[in-house]
């Protein structure tokens, strides 16, 4: 990896990628949301707000300016929450007269359907920048907690793109990053859905743990959760095999069982009796599953996709269903064949 890398989004994961890649690239350009936040990072030489205690290397150039990114970088990571992805892309579009956006590779890491359109991220991307730009789009997903990425601990993710040449270039890009291994595939829909849907199951897992229902219950939720994710994915055109991989089962296992998971933590606190409103008020970072649950529930109703776990999580989050009653609702369903 010889060329500078651009990262738009200085949250926990964007900062973690910058720290990780700084060992392998000459310069990393980290784009912050504001001049004030950029100055804070420069002054403190760490991202105390999102990733406290992790020092920023000298070759991480912190900026609040898109132009600096486009002038210096070819590969650009979009590391922003799904609910602000469209806004970020529209900001990028304002530079198309000065820079040929087709010259860049854009790698999205957003895991959610938080946009009001309920579109998958690649649809948001194409609507903002044009269908032709999908040839320059890739998505990265998989089990990758920011704090572990920042510590250069072994991590494996998948990268999907419609463009094989992009995947070949990204293979070369990641080749020397021995602690951050990638696998490639062309199922963008499946990868994006896996990263989004697992957050709903993580909420359910957290609720179950908050109610102290035990390991058996969590294992059942995860197993039935991957079935539900696959069912929804196939209905939207994804390859079912993708959900057995890193962006599906891999990310689900990590997000649903670890105390580092924001979505599981939200579910855990709901299971213990806290209100969603009070939980979200005190959070620094976005729990993508909260907005994604609403979007997926709406799409499932429109397309008549059977999503029992999503349905009860939606009812708990948005309709006042008590967590204990949600579990009863799941257990009282008719007995059916496991694989139908």
Protein backbone atom coordinates (compact mmCIF):
# COMPACT_ATOMS: atom_id res chain seq x y z
CA UNK A 1 0.00 0.00 0.00
CA UNK A 2 1.88 3.08 -1.21
CA UNK A 3 -0.77 5.74 -1.75
CA UNK A 4 -2.44 7.95 0.88
CA UNK A 5 -5.85 6.80 2.10
CA UNK A 6 -8.90 8.99 2.70
CA UNK A 7 -11.39 8.30 5.51
CA UNK A 8 -14.56 10.38 5.69
CA UNK A 9 -15.96 10.09 9.20
CA UNK A 10 -13.97 10.40 12.43
CA UNK A 11 -16.18 8.31 14.68
CA UNK A 12 -14.91 5.20 16.44
CA UNK A 13 -14.58 2.98 13.37
CA UNK A 14 -13.23 5.70 11.08
CA UNK A 15 -10.59 6.55 13.66
CA UNK A 16 -9.78 2.86 14.18
CA UNK A 17 -9.25 2.33 10.46
CA UNK A 18 -7.02 5.40 10.32
CA UNK A 19 -4.87 4.11 13.20
CA UNK A 20 -4.70 0.61 11.71
CA UNK A 21 -3.86 1.71 8.17
CA UNK A 22 -1.32 4.29 9.37
CA UNK A 23 1.17 1.44 9.85
CA UNK A 24 0.96 0.56 6.16
CA UNK A 25 0.25 3.78 4.22
CA UNK A 26 2.43 6.90 3.93
CA UNK A 27 -0.44 9.17 4.98
CA UNK A 28 -4.01 8.79 6.16
CA UNK A 29 -6.38 11.73 5.68
CA UNK A 30 -9.11 11.64 8.32
CA UNK A 31 -12.10 13.89 7.57
CA UNK A 32 -13.97 15.26 10.61
CA UNK A 33 -17.50 16.67 10.66
CA UNK A 34 -16.38 20.15 11.75
CA UNK A 35 -13.34 22.40 12.04
CA UNK A 36 -13.78 22.45 15.82
CA UNK A 37 -13.68 18.66 16.12
CA UNK A 38 -10.68 18.49 13.76
CA UNK A 39 -8.78 20.99 15.91
CA UNK A 40 -9.64 19.00 19.03
CA UNK A 41 -8.17 15.81 17.51
CA UNK A 42 -5.05 17.65 16.36
CA UNK A 43 -4.54 19.21 19.76
CA UNK A 44 -5.13 16.06 21.81
CA UNK A 45 -3.52 13.65 19.28
CA UNK A 46 -6.31 11.16 19.98
CA UNK A 47 -10.06 10.89 19.47
CA UNK A 48 -10.99 11.18 23.12
CA UNK A 49 -14.72 11.37 22.39
CA UNK A 50 -15.05 8.16 20.33
CA UNK A 51 -11.88 6.13 20.88
CA UNK A 52 -10.20 7.34 24.04
CA UNK A 53 -6.64 6.25 24.77
CA UNK A 54 -5.70 5.36 21.19
CA UNK A 55 -2.96 7.73 19.95
CA UNK A 56 -3.09 9.18 16.44
CA UNK A 57 0.10 8.58 14.48
CA UNK A 58 2.03 11.49 12.98
CA UNK A 59 1.07 10.38 9.46
CA UNK A 60 -2.66 10.73 10.19
CA UNK A 61 -3.64 14.09 8.73
CA UNK A 62 -6.79 15.37 10.40
CA UNK A 63 -8.96 17.72 8.32
CA UNK A 64 -12.50 19.03 8.01
CA UNK A 65 -12.09 19.65 4.27
CA UNK A 66 -13.32 17.36 1.50
CA UNK A 67 -11.01 19.02 -0.99
CA UNK A 68 -7.96 17.84 0.94
CA UNK A 69 -9.25 14.27 0.64
CA UNK A 70 -9.85 14.50 -3.13
CA UNK A 71 -6.51 16.16 -3.81
CA UNK A 72 -4.48 13.49 -2.03
CA UNK A 73 -6.38 10.18 -2.06
CA UNK A 74 -7.62 7.62 -4.56
CA UNK A 75 -9.27 5.15 -2.19
CA UNK A 76 -11.83 6.79 0.09
CA UNK A 77 -13.66 5.09 2.95
CA UNK A 78 -17.15 6.37 3.81
CA UNK A 79 -17.36 5.72 7.55
CA UNK A 80 -20.54 7.52 8.58
CA UNK A 81 -23.83 6.24 10.07
CA UNK A 82 -26.45 5.21 7.52
CA UNK A 83 -28.77 8.03 8.54
CA UNK A 84 -26.24 10.65 7.40
CA UNK A 85 -24.86 8.78 4.37
CA UNK A 86 -27.08 10.64 1.90
CA UNK A 87 -26.12 14.02 3.36
CA UNK A 88 -22.43 13.09 3.13
CA UNK A 89 -22.77 11.97 -0.49
CA UNK A 90 -24.60 15.13 -1.47
CA UNK A 91 -21.74 17.12 0.06
CA UNK A 92 -19.32 15.05 -2.03
CA UNK A 93 -21.37 15.71 -5.17
CA UNK A 94 -20.74 19.46 -4.85
CA UNK A 95 -17.11 18.76 -5.77
CA UNK A 96 -17.83 16.93 -9.03
CA UNK A 97 -17.09 20.03 -11.13
CA UNK A 98 -13.60 20.31 -9.66
CA UNK A 99 -12.76 16.60 -9.29
CA UNK A 100 -13.73 13.66 -11.49
CA UNK A 101 -15.44 11.48 -8.88
CA UNK A 102 -15.13 8.48 -11.21
CA UNK A 103 -11.37 8.53 -10.52
CA UNK A 104 -11.93 7.41 -6.93
CA UNK A 105 -12.94 4.19 -5.21
CA UNK A 106 -15.55 4.72 -2.49
CA UNK A 107 -15.81 2.04 0.20
CA UNK A 108 -18.91 2.26 2.38
CA UNK A 109 -18.95 0.82 5.89
CA UNK A 110 -22.44 1.92 7.05
CA UNK A 111 -24.44 -0.97 8.56
CA UNK A 112 -28.05 0.04 8.52
CA UNK A 113 -31.21 1.17 6.76
CA UNK A 114 -31.47 4.35 8.79
CA UNK A 115 -32.15 6.60 5.84
CA UNK A 116 -35.79 7.73 5.54
CA UNK A 117 -35.93 6.23 2.04
CA UNK A 118 -35.28 2.74 3.56
CA UNK A 119 -32.87 2.17 0.66
CA UNK A 120 -29.80 0.00 0.99
CA UNK A 121 -26.57 2.07 1.06
CA UNK A 122 -25.67 1.33 -2.57
CA UNK A 123 -29.05 2.70 -3.63
CA UNK A 124 -28.46 5.83 -1.56
CA UNK A 125 -25.05 6.11 -3.24
CA UNK A 126 -26.40 5.78 -6.79
CA UNK A 127 -29.26 8.20 -6.18
CA UNK A 128 -26.85 10.82 -4.84
CA UNK A 129 -23.99 10.40 -7.32
CA UNK A 130 -25.60 8.66 -10.32
CA UNK A 131 -25.90 5.05 -11.48
CA UNK A 132 -22.58 5.17 -13.34
CA UNK A 133 -20.79 5.77 -10.05
CA UNK A 134 -21.87 2.33 -8.79
CA UNK A 135 -18.89 1.04 -10.77
CA UNK A 136 -16.71 2.90 -8.27
CA UNK A 137 -18.55 1.62 -5.19
CA UNK A 138 -17.67 -1.12 -2.72
CA UNK A 139 -19.00 -2.10 0.69
CA UNK A 140 -16.96 -3.44 3.61
CA UNK A 141 -18.62 -5.40 6.38
CA UNK A 142 -17.95 -8.11 8.92
CA UNK A 143 -17.11 -8.69 12.59
CA UNK A 144 -14.87 -5.71 13.34
CA UNK A 145 -15.17 -3.84 16.63
CA UNK A 146 -13.36 -0.50 16.38
CA UNK A 147 -11.31 -0.84 19.54
CA UNK A 148 -9.82 -4.16 18.38
CA UNK A 149 -9.13 -2.84 14.88
CA UNK A 150 -7.30 0.13 16.44
CA UNK A 151 -5.12 -2.29 18.44
CA UNK A 152 -4.18 -4.18 15.24
CA UNK A 153 -5.77 -7.38 16.53
CA UNK A 154 -6.58 -9.98 13.85
CA UNK A 155 -9.78 -9.11 11.98
CA UNK A 156 -11.44 -10.60 8.90
CA UNK A 157 -14.09 -8.80 6.85
CA UNK A 158 -15.60 -9.06 3.40
CA UNK A 159 -15.63 -6.50 0.60
CA UNK A 160 -18.23 -6.59 -2.18
CA UNK A 161 -18.48 -4.65 -5.41
CA UNK A 162 -20.28 -4.88 -8.74
CA UNK A 163 -16.94 -4.17 -10.43
CA UNK A 164 -14.37 -6.99 -10.51
CA UNK A 165 -11.57 -4.53 -11.35
CA UNK A 166 -12.34 -2.65 -8.15
CA UNK A 167 -12.14 -5.88 -6.16
CA UNK A 168 -8.79 -6.73 -7.77
CA UNK A 169 -7.45 -3.30 -6.85
CA UNK A 170 -8.69 -3.65 -3.30
CA UNK A 171 -7.04 -7.06 -2.99
CA UNK A 172 -3.73 -5.34 -3.72
CA UNK A 173 -4.63 -2.54 -1.31
CA UNK A 174 -5.22 -4.94 1.59
CA UNK A 175 -2.50 -7.42 0.69
CA UNK A 176 0.08 -6.09 3.15
CA UNK A 177 -2.32 -5.41 6.01
CA UNK A 178 -1.75 -8.77 7.65
CA UNK A 179 -3.95 -8.10 10.69
CA UNK A 180 -6.95 -6.92 8.61
CA UNK A 181 -7.80 -9.69 6.16
CA UNK A 182 -10.45 -9.32 3.46
CA UNK A 183 -12.49 -11.78 1.44
CA UNK A 184 -14.19 -10.61 -1.75
CA UNK A 185 -17.58 -11.31 -3.31
CA UNK A 186 -20.03 -9.64 -5.68
CA UNK A 187 -23.22 -9.84 -3.58
CA UNK A 188 -23.53 -6.21 -2.48
CA UNK A 189 -27.17 -6.67 -1.47
CA UNK A 190 -26.37 -9.62 0.79
CA UNK A 191 -23.38 -7.92 2.42
CA UNK A 192 -25.30 -4.71 3.09
CA UNK A 193 -28.31 -6.57 4.44
CA UNK A 194 -26.21 -8.83 6.65
CA UNK A 195 -24.55 -5.83 8.27
CA UNK A 196 -27.95 -4.21 8.81
CA UNK A 197 -30.16 -7.11 9.86
CA UNK A 198 -27.77 -8.55 12.45
CA UNK A 199 -28.28 -5.38 14.51
CA UNK A 200 -31.96 -6.27 14.99
CA UNK A 201 -31.05 -9.73 16.26
CA UNK A 202 -28.41 -8.16 18.51
CA UNK A 203 -31.14 -5.99 20.07
CA UNK A 204 -33.21 -9.14 20.64
CA UNK A 205 -30.21 -10.93 22.15
CA UNK A 206 -29.59 -8.02 24.49
CA UNK A 207 -33.23 -7.97 25.59
CA UNK A 208 -33.04 -11.69 26.30
CA UNK A 209 -29.85 -11.27 28.34
CA UNK A 210 -31.36 -8.29 30.16
CA UNK A 211 -34.25 -10.53 31.19
CA UNK A 212 -31.68 -13.16 32.31
CA UNK A 213 -33.21 -15.84 30.09
CA UNK A 214 -29.91 -17.70 29.78
CA UNK A 215 -27.54 -19.07 27.17
CA UNK A 216 -30.09 -21.47 25.66
CA UNK A 217 -32.41 -18.59 24.82
CA UNK A 218 -29.62 -16.53 23.28
CA UNK A 219 -28.45 -19.46 21.15
CA UNK A 220 -32.01 -20.01 19.93
CA UNK A 221 -32.39 -16.33 19.04
CA UNK A 222 -29.14 -16.28 17.07
CA UNK A 223 -29.96 -19.48 15.22
CA UNK A 224 -33.47 -18.38 14.31
CA UNK A 225 -32.10 -14.91 13.66
CA UNK A 226 -29.80 -16.06 10.86
CA UNK A 227 -32.76 -17.90 9.31
CA UNK A 228 -34.79 -14.69 9.45
CA UNK A 229 -31.95 -12.64 7.98
CA UNK A 230 -31.54 -15.11 5.13
CA UNK A 231 -35.28 -15.18 4.41
CA UNK A 232 -35.41 -11.39 4.18
CA UNK A 233 -32.23 -11.25 2.09
CA UNK A 234 -33.42 -13.77 -0.47
CA UNK A 235 -36.68 -11.86 -0.85
CA UNK A 236 -34.67 -8.76 -1.75
CA UNK A 237 -32.38 -10.55 -4.21
CA UNK A 238 -29.40 -11.55 -2.07
CA UNK A 239 -27.51 -14.85 -2.25
CA UNK A 240 -28.44 -16.99 0.77
CA UNK A 241 -24.82 -18.19 1.03
CA UNK A 242 -23.69 -14.66 1.92
CA UNK A 243 -25.52 -14.88 5.24
CA UNK A 244 -23.36 -17.83 6.30
CA UNK A 245 -20.24 -15.68 5.89
CA UNK A 246 -18.49 -12.82 7.63
CA UNK A 247 -21.09 -10.12 6.96
CA UNK A 248 -23.90 -12.42 8.10
CA UNK A 249 -23.20 -15.12 10.66
CA UNK A 250 -19.77 -13.72 11.57
CA UNK A 251 -21.02 -10.23 12.37
CA UNK A 252 -24.13 -11.64 14.07
CA UNK A 253 -22.05 -13.75 16.46
CA UNK A 254 -19.87 -10.79 17.41
CA UNK A 255 -22.59 -8.17 17.76
CA UNK A 256 -25.05 -10.36 19.65
CA UNK A 257 -22.77 -11.74 22.34
CA UNK A 258 -20.24 -9.03 23.21
CA UNK A 259 -20.45 -6.24 25.77
CA UNK A 260 -18.70 -4.00 23.20
CA UNK A 261 -21.80 -4.11 20.98
CA UNK A 262 -23.88 -0.92 21.02
CA UNK A 263 -27.00 -2.71 19.75
CA UNK A 264 -26.76 -5.54 22.27
CA UNK A 265 -26.17 -2.96 25.02
CA UNK A 266 -29.35 -1.10 24.06
CA UNK A 267 -31.31 -4.35 24.15
CA UNK A 268 -29.73 -5.31 27.46
CA UNK A 269 -30.83 -2.06 29.08
CA UNK A 270 -34.34 -2.37 27.63
CA UNK A 271 -34.56 -5.90 29.06
CA UNK A 272 -33.61 -4.49 32.45
CA UNK A 273 -36.42 -1.96 32.32
CA UNK A 274 -34.97 1.26 30.88
CA UNK A 275 -36.87 3.20 28.22
CA UNK A 276 -35.51 3.51 24.70
CA UNK A 277 -35.75 7.29 24.88
CA UNK A 278 -33.55 7.57 27.97
CA UNK A 279 -31.02 5.09 26.57
CA UNK A 280 -30.60 6.92 23.26
CA UNK A 281 -30.35 10.29 25.00
CA UNK A 282 -27.21 9.21 26.80
CA UNK A 283 -25.44 7.52 23.86
CA UNK A 284 -22.45 9.09 22.10
CA UNK A 285 -22.64 6.75 19.11
CA UNK A 286 -25.45 5.45 16.90
CA UNK A 287 -27.06 2.06 17.54
CA UNK A 288 -27.99 1.36 13.91
CA UNK A 289 -30.44 -1.41 14.81
CA UNK A 290 -33.00 0.98 16.30
CA UNK A 291 -33.75 2.77 13.02
CA UNK A 292 -33.11 -0.37 10.96
CA UNK A 293 -35.79 -2.27 12.89
CA UNK A 294 -38.39 0.25 11.79
CA UNK A 295 -37.29 0.12 8.13
CA UNK A 296 -37.07 -3.68 7.97
CA UNK A 297 -40.43 -4.09 9.71
CA UNK A 298 -42.07 -1.79 7.14
CA UNK A 299 -40.47 -3.58 4.17
CA UNK A 300 -41.37 -7.02 5.61
CA UNK A 301 -45.02 -5.98 5.93
CA UNK A 302 -45.09 -4.58 2.39
CA UNK A 303 -43.49 -7.71 0.90
CA UNK A 304 -45.20 -10.21 3.24
CA UNK A 305 -41.90 -11.60 4.58
CA UNK A 306 -42.23 -13.63 7.76
CA UNK A 307 -40.01 -11.90 10.38
CA UNK A 308 -41.18 -12.89 13.89
CA UNK A 309 -38.09 -11.68 15.79
CA UNK A 310 -38.07 -8.35 13.97
CA UNK A 311 -41.79 -7.98 14.63
CA UNK A 312 -41.46 -8.37 18.41
CA UNK A 313 -38.36 -6.14 18.58
CA UNK A 314 -40.31 -3.49 16.65
CA UNK A 315 -43.23 -3.83 19.07
CA UNK A 316 -40.91 -3.41 22.06
CA UNK A 317 -39.14 -0.37 20.59
CA UNK A 318 -42.10 1.44 19.06
CA UNK A 319 -45.39 0.04 20.37
CA UNK A 320 -44.77 -0.30 24.09
CA UNK A 321 -44.73 -4.10 24.22
CA UNK A 322 -43.07 -5.22 27.44
CA UNK A 323 -39.92 -7.31 26.92
CA UNK A 324 -41.32 -10.24 28.95
CA UNK A 325 -44.46 -10.25 26.84
CA UNK A 326 -42.34 -10.17 23.69
CA UNK A 327 -40.66 -13.43 24.67
CA UNK A 328 -44.06 -15.02 25.39
CA UNK A 329 -45.27 -13.84 21.99
CA UNK A 330 -42.34 -15.62 20.31
CA UNK A 331 -42.80 -18.82 22.30
CA UNK A 332 -46.55 -19.05 21.71
CA UNK A 333 -46.28 -19.16 17.91
CA UNK A 334 -47.51 -22.25 16.09
CA UNK A 335 -45.02 -25.11 15.85
CA UNK A 336 -43.57 -25.40 12.34
CA UNK A 337 -40.88 -27.19 10.36
CA UNK A 338 -37.48 -25.70 11.26
CA UNK A 339 -36.42 -25.04 7.66
CA UNK A 340 -39.67 -23.72 6.19
